[in-house]
Amino acid sequence: MDSAPKATVVGLVTPHLLRVVDLANEAEKGVNVDWHVRDAVSKTMGLLGDQWNAAVLMAAYVDGLESAATQAPKTRAAYARVLQAAADAARRLRRD
């Protein structure tokens, strides 16, 4: 009996989190990533919002961004700032 692998919250959210983490790493190098972060968050929230368990996925995405931002070392201020900005933007879109 072949069944397709089941999609999990982690499996659906992680690629989107990693995209923002990559952008945060670029910000540390001095790259202006503001537009790219807003775009990534907006697209992600749109994609997650189309899922049957949208509320859970969106909450996991926001929680993941906030967790990464708070766990960032103090020496990585630009990195943490981008992650927190992404979390704030996702939270605002979640309420809309």
N, C-alpha and C. Protein backbone atom coordinates (compact mmCIF):
# COMPACT_ATOMS: atom_id res chain seq x y z
N MET A 1 0.84 -1.17 0.00
CA MET A 1 0.00 0.00 0.00
C MET A 1 0.89 1.24 0.00
N ASP A 2 0.95 1.91 -1.12
CA ASP A 2 1.74 3.13 -1.24
C ASP A 2 0.87 4.33 -0.90
N SER A 3 1.31 5.06 0.06
CA SER A 3 0.59 6.29 0.38
C SER A 3 1.59 7.45 0.35
N ALA A 4 1.11 8.57 -0.06
CA ALA A 4 1.96 9.76 -0.15
C ALA A 4 2.34 10.18 1.26
N PRO A 5 3.55 10.71 1.42
CA PRO A 5 3.93 11.19 2.75
C PRO A 5 3.02 12.35 3.17
N LYS A 6 2.70 12.35 4.44
CA LYS A 6 1.82 13.40 4.96
C LYS A 6 2.62 14.67 5.22
N ALA A 7 2.03 15.76 4.83
CA ALA A 7 2.66 17.06 5.08
C ALA A 7 2.50 17.40 6.56
N THR A 8 3.57 17.86 7.16
CA THR A 8 3.51 18.26 8.56
C THR A 8 3.65 19.77 8.65
N VAL A 9 3.31 20.31 9.81
CA VAL A 9 3.47 21.74 10.03
C VAL A 9 4.93 22.12 9.84
N VAL A 10 5.81 21.34 10.44
CA VAL A 10 7.24 21.63 10.32
C VAL A 10 7.68 21.58 8.86
N GLY A 11 7.23 20.58 8.15
CA GLY A 11 7.61 20.44 6.75
C GLY A 11 7.10 21.56 5.86
N LEU A 12 5.94 22.10 6.20
CA LEU A 12 5.37 23.18 5.41
C LEU A 12 5.95 24.55 5.77
N VAL A 13 6.32 24.74 7.01
CA VAL A 13 6.75 26.06 7.48
C VAL A 13 8.26 26.27 7.36
N THR A 14 9.04 25.22 7.59
CA THR A 14 10.50 25.35 7.64
C THR A 14 11.12 25.99 6.39
N PRO A 15 10.75 25.60 5.18
CA PRO A 15 11.37 26.26 4.02
C PRO A 15 11.15 27.77 3.99
N HIS A 16 10.00 28.20 4.47
CA HIS A 16 9.70 29.63 4.49
C HIS A 16 10.53 30.34 5.56
N LEU A 17 10.72 29.69 6.69
CA LEU A 17 11.57 30.26 7.74
C LEU A 17 13.01 30.37 7.26
N LEU A 18 13.48 29.34 6.59
CA LEU A 18 14.87 29.35 6.11
C LEU A 18 15.11 30.44 5.08
N ARG A 19 14.10 30.76 4.29
CA ARG A 19 14.23 31.85 3.31
C ARG A 19 14.49 33.17 4.04
N VAL A 20 13.77 33.43 5.11
CA VAL A 20 13.95 34.67 5.85
C VAL A 20 15.29 34.66 6.58
N VAL A 21 15.70 33.51 7.09
CA VAL A 21 17.01 33.39 7.74
C VAL A 21 18.12 33.70 6.73
N ASP A 22 17.98 33.21 5.52
CA ASP A 22 18.97 33.54 4.47
C ASP A 22 19.02 35.05 4.22
N LEU A 23 17.87 35.68 4.18
CA LEU A 23 17.84 37.13 3.98
C LEU A 23 18.48 37.86 5.17
N ALA A 24 18.24 37.37 6.38
CA ALA A 24 18.84 37.97 7.57
C ALA A 24 20.36 37.85 7.52
N ASN A 25 20.84 36.73 7.04
CA ASN A 25 22.29 36.56 6.87
C ASN A 25 22.85 37.55 5.86
N GLU A 26 22.11 37.81 4.80
CA GLU A 26 22.54 38.79 3.80
C GLU A 26 22.56 40.20 4.40
N ALA A 27 21.60 40.49 5.26
CA ALA A 27 21.55 41.81 5.91
C ALA A 27 22.80 42.05 6.74
N GLU A 28 23.33 41.01 7.33
CA GLU A 28 24.56 41.14 8.12
C GLU A 28 25.74 41.55 7.26
N LYS A 29 25.66 41.23 5.98
CA LYS A 29 26.74 41.58 5.05
C LYS A 29 26.56 42.99 4.48
N GLY A 30 25.50 43.67 4.93
CA GLY A 30 25.26 45.03 4.48
C GLY A 30 24.28 45.16 3.33
N VAL A 31 23.67 44.06 2.93
CA VAL A 31 22.71 44.08 1.84
C VAL A 31 21.38 44.60 2.36
N ASN A 32 20.71 45.47 1.60
CA ASN A 32 19.40 45.98 1.97
C ASN A 32 18.36 44.93 1.55
N VAL A 33 17.80 44.26 2.53
CA VAL A 33 16.87 43.16 2.25
C VAL A 33 15.43 43.48 2.63
N ASP A 34 15.15 44.71 3.00
CA ASP A 34 13.82 45.06 3.50
C ASP A 34 12.71 44.65 2.54
N TRP A 35 12.83 45.03 1.28
CA TRP A 35 11.79 44.70 0.31
C TRP A 35 11.66 43.20 0.16
N HIS A 36 12.78 42.50 0.11
CA HIS A 36 12.76 41.06 -0.07
C HIS A 36 12.11 40.35 1.12
N VAL A 37 12.35 40.85 2.31
CA VAL A 37 11.74 40.27 3.51
C VAL A 37 10.22 40.49 3.48
N ARG A 38 9.80 41.70 3.18
CA ARG A 38 8.36 41.97 3.11
C ARG A 38 7.69 41.09 2.06
N ASP A 39 8.34 40.94 0.91
CA ASP A 39 7.81 40.11 -0.16
C ASP A 39 7.73 38.64 0.26
N ALA A 40 8.80 38.14 0.87
CA ALA A 40 8.83 36.74 1.30
C ALA A 40 7.74 36.47 2.34
N VAL A 41 7.59 37.36 3.29
CA VAL A 41 6.58 37.18 4.33
C VAL A 41 5.18 37.25 3.73
N SER A 42 4.95 38.19 2.85
CA SER A 42 3.64 38.34 2.22
C SER A 42 3.27 37.09 1.41
N LYS A 43 4.20 36.61 0.63
CA LYS A 43 3.94 35.40 -0.18
C LYS A 43 3.71 34.19 0.71
N THR A 44 4.54 34.06 1.74
CA THR A 44 4.39 32.93 2.65
C THR A 44 3.04 32.94 3.34
N MET A 45 2.64 34.09 3.85
CA MET A 45 1.35 34.17 4.55
C MET A 45 0.20 33.86 3.58
N GLY A 46 0.36 34.26 2.34
CA GLY A 46 -0.66 33.94 1.33
C GLY A 46 -0.74 32.44 1.07
N LEU A 47 0.43 31.81 0.94
CA LEU A 47 0.46 30.36 0.71
C LEU A 47 -0.06 29.57 1.91
N LEU A 48 0.38 29.95 3.08
CA LEU A 48 -0.06 29.25 4.28
C LEU A 48 -1.55 29.48 4.53
N GLY A 49 -2.03 30.65 4.17
CA GLY A 49 -3.43 30.98 4.36
C GLY A 49 -4.37 30.17 3.50
N ASP A 50 -3.84 29.57 2.44
CA ASP A 50 -4.65 28.74 1.56
C ASP A 50 -4.79 27.30 2.04
N GLN A 51 -4.08 26.94 3.08
CA GLN A 51 -4.11 25.57 3.60
C GLN A 51 -5.30 25.38 4.53
N TRP A 52 -5.73 24.16 4.68
CA TRP A 52 -6.89 23.88 5.54
C TRP A 52 -6.60 24.18 7.01
N ASN A 53 -5.33 24.07 7.40
CA ASN A 53 -4.94 24.37 8.79
C ASN A 53 -4.14 25.67 8.85
N ALA A 54 -4.65 26.67 8.15
CA ALA A 54 -3.95 27.94 7.99
C ALA A 54 -3.60 28.59 9.32
N ALA A 55 -4.49 28.58 10.27
CA ALA A 55 -4.23 29.25 11.55
C ALA A 55 -3.03 28.63 12.26
N VAL A 56 -2.94 27.32 12.24
CA VAL A 56 -1.81 26.62 12.88
C VAL A 56 -0.51 26.93 12.15
N LEU A 57 -0.55 26.89 10.83
CA LEU A 57 0.65 27.15 10.03
C LEU A 57 1.15 28.58 10.22
N MET A 58 0.23 29.53 10.20
CA MET A 58 0.62 30.93 10.37
C MET A 58 1.19 31.17 11.77
N ALA A 59 0.58 30.57 12.77
CA ALA A 59 1.09 30.71 14.14
C ALA A 59 2.49 30.11 14.25
N ALA A 60 2.70 28.96 13.63
CA ALA A 60 4.01 28.31 13.67
C ALA A 60 5.06 29.17 12.96
N TYR A 61 4.68 29.81 11.88
CA TYR A 61 5.60 30.67 11.13
C TYR A 61 6.00 31.88 11.98
N VAL A 62 5.04 32.54 12.58
CA VAL A 62 5.32 33.70 13.43
C VAL A 62 6.18 33.27 14.63
N ASP A 63 5.80 32.17 15.26
CA ASP A 63 6.56 31.66 16.41
C ASP A 63 8.00 31.32 16.02
N GLY A 64 8.16 30.72 14.87
CA GLY A 64 9.51 30.37 14.40
C GLY A 64 10.37 31.59 14.16
N LEU A 65 9.79 32.61 13.56
CA LEU A 65 10.53 33.86 13.32
C LEU A 65 10.90 34.53 14.64
N GLU A 66 9.94 34.59 15.55
CA GLU A 66 10.21 35.24 16.84
C GLU A 66 11.25 34.46 17.63
N SER A 67 11.17 33.16 17.58
CA SER A 67 12.13 32.32 18.30
C SER A 67 13.54 32.52 17.74
N ALA A 68 13.67 32.54 16.44
CA ALA A 68 14.98 32.75 15.82
C ALA A 68 15.53 34.13 16.18
N ALA A 69 14.66 35.12 16.21
CA ALA A 69 15.09 36.49 16.54
C ALA A 69 15.57 36.59 17.99
N THR A 70 14.83 35.98 18.90
CA THR A 70 15.20 36.08 20.32
C THR A 70 16.42 35.23 20.66
N GLN A 71 16.65 34.18 19.90
CA GLN A 71 17.80 33.31 20.15
C GLN A 71 19.07 33.78 19.45
N ALA A 72 18.96 34.81 18.64
CA ALA A 72 20.13 35.32 17.93
C ALA A 72 21.11 35.93 18.92
N PRO A 73 22.39 35.68 18.73
CA PRO A 73 23.38 36.29 19.63
C PRO A 73 23.32 37.81 19.55
N LYS A 74 23.66 38.47 20.64
CA LYS A 74 23.63 39.94 20.70
C LYS A 74 24.56 40.56 19.66
N THR A 75 25.59 39.83 19.27
CA THR A 75 26.54 40.36 18.28
C THR A 75 25.97 40.35 16.87
N ARG A 76 24.81 39.74 16.68
CA ARG A 76 24.19 39.67 15.35
C ARG A 76 22.93 40.54 15.31
N ALA A 77 23.12 41.82 15.58
CA ALA A 77 21.99 42.75 15.69
C ALA A 77 21.20 42.87 14.38
N ALA A 78 21.88 42.98 13.26
CA ALA A 78 21.18 43.13 11.97
C ALA A 78 20.38 41.87 11.66
N TYR A 79 20.94 40.73 11.95
CA TYR A 79 20.28 39.44 11.75
C TYR A 79 18.99 39.38 12.58
N ALA A 80 19.10 39.68 13.86
CA ALA A 80 17.94 39.64 14.75
C ALA A 80 16.89 40.68 14.34
N ARG A 81 17.34 41.84 13.91
CA ARG A 81 16.42 42.91 13.52
C ARG A 81 15.58 42.48 12.31
N VAL A 82 16.20 41.83 11.33
CA VAL A 82 15.46 41.37 10.15
C VAL A 82 14.45 40.30 10.54
N LEU A 83 14.86 39.38 11.38
CA LEU A 83 13.94 38.32 11.80
C LEU A 83 12.76 38.88 12.59
N GLN A 84 13.03 39.85 13.46
CA GLN A 84 11.95 40.46 14.24
C GLN A 84 11.01 41.26 13.34
N ALA A 85 11.58 41.96 12.36
CA ALA A 85 10.74 42.71 11.40
C ALA A 85 9.85 41.75 10.62
N ALA A 86 10.39 40.60 10.24
CA ALA A 86 9.60 39.60 9.51
C ALA A 86 8.49 39.06 10.40
N ALA A 87 8.80 38.80 11.67
CA ALA A 87 7.78 38.30 12.60
C ALA A 87 6.67 39.34 12.79
N ASP A 88 7.06 40.60 12.92
CA ASP A 88 6.07 41.67 13.08
C ASP A 88 5.17 41.78 11.85
N ALA A 89 5.78 41.70 10.67
CA ALA A 89 5.00 41.78 9.43
C ALA A 89 4.05 40.59 9.31
N ALA A 90 4.53 39.41 9.65
CA ALA A 90 3.68 38.21 9.57
C ALA A 90 2.53 38.31 10.56
N ARG A 91 2.80 38.82 11.74
CA ARG A 91 1.75 38.98 12.74
C ARG A 91 0.67 39.95 12.25
N ARG A 92 1.10 41.04 11.61
CA ARG A 92 0.13 42.01 11.08
C ARG A 92 -0.71 41.38 9.97
N LEU A 93 -0.08 40.62 9.10
CA LEU A 93 -0.83 39.98 8.01
C LEU A 93 -1.78 38.91 8.53
N ARG A 94 -1.40 38.28 9.61
CA ARG A 94 -2.26 37.24 10.20
C ARG A 94 -3.55 37.83 10.72
N ARG A 95 -3.51 39.05 11.18
CA ARG A 95 -4.71 39.71 11.72
C ARG A 95 -5.62 40.23 10.62
N ASP A 96 -5.06 40.48 9.44
CA ASP A 96 -5.85 41.08 8.35
C ASP A 96 -6.90 40.15 7.80
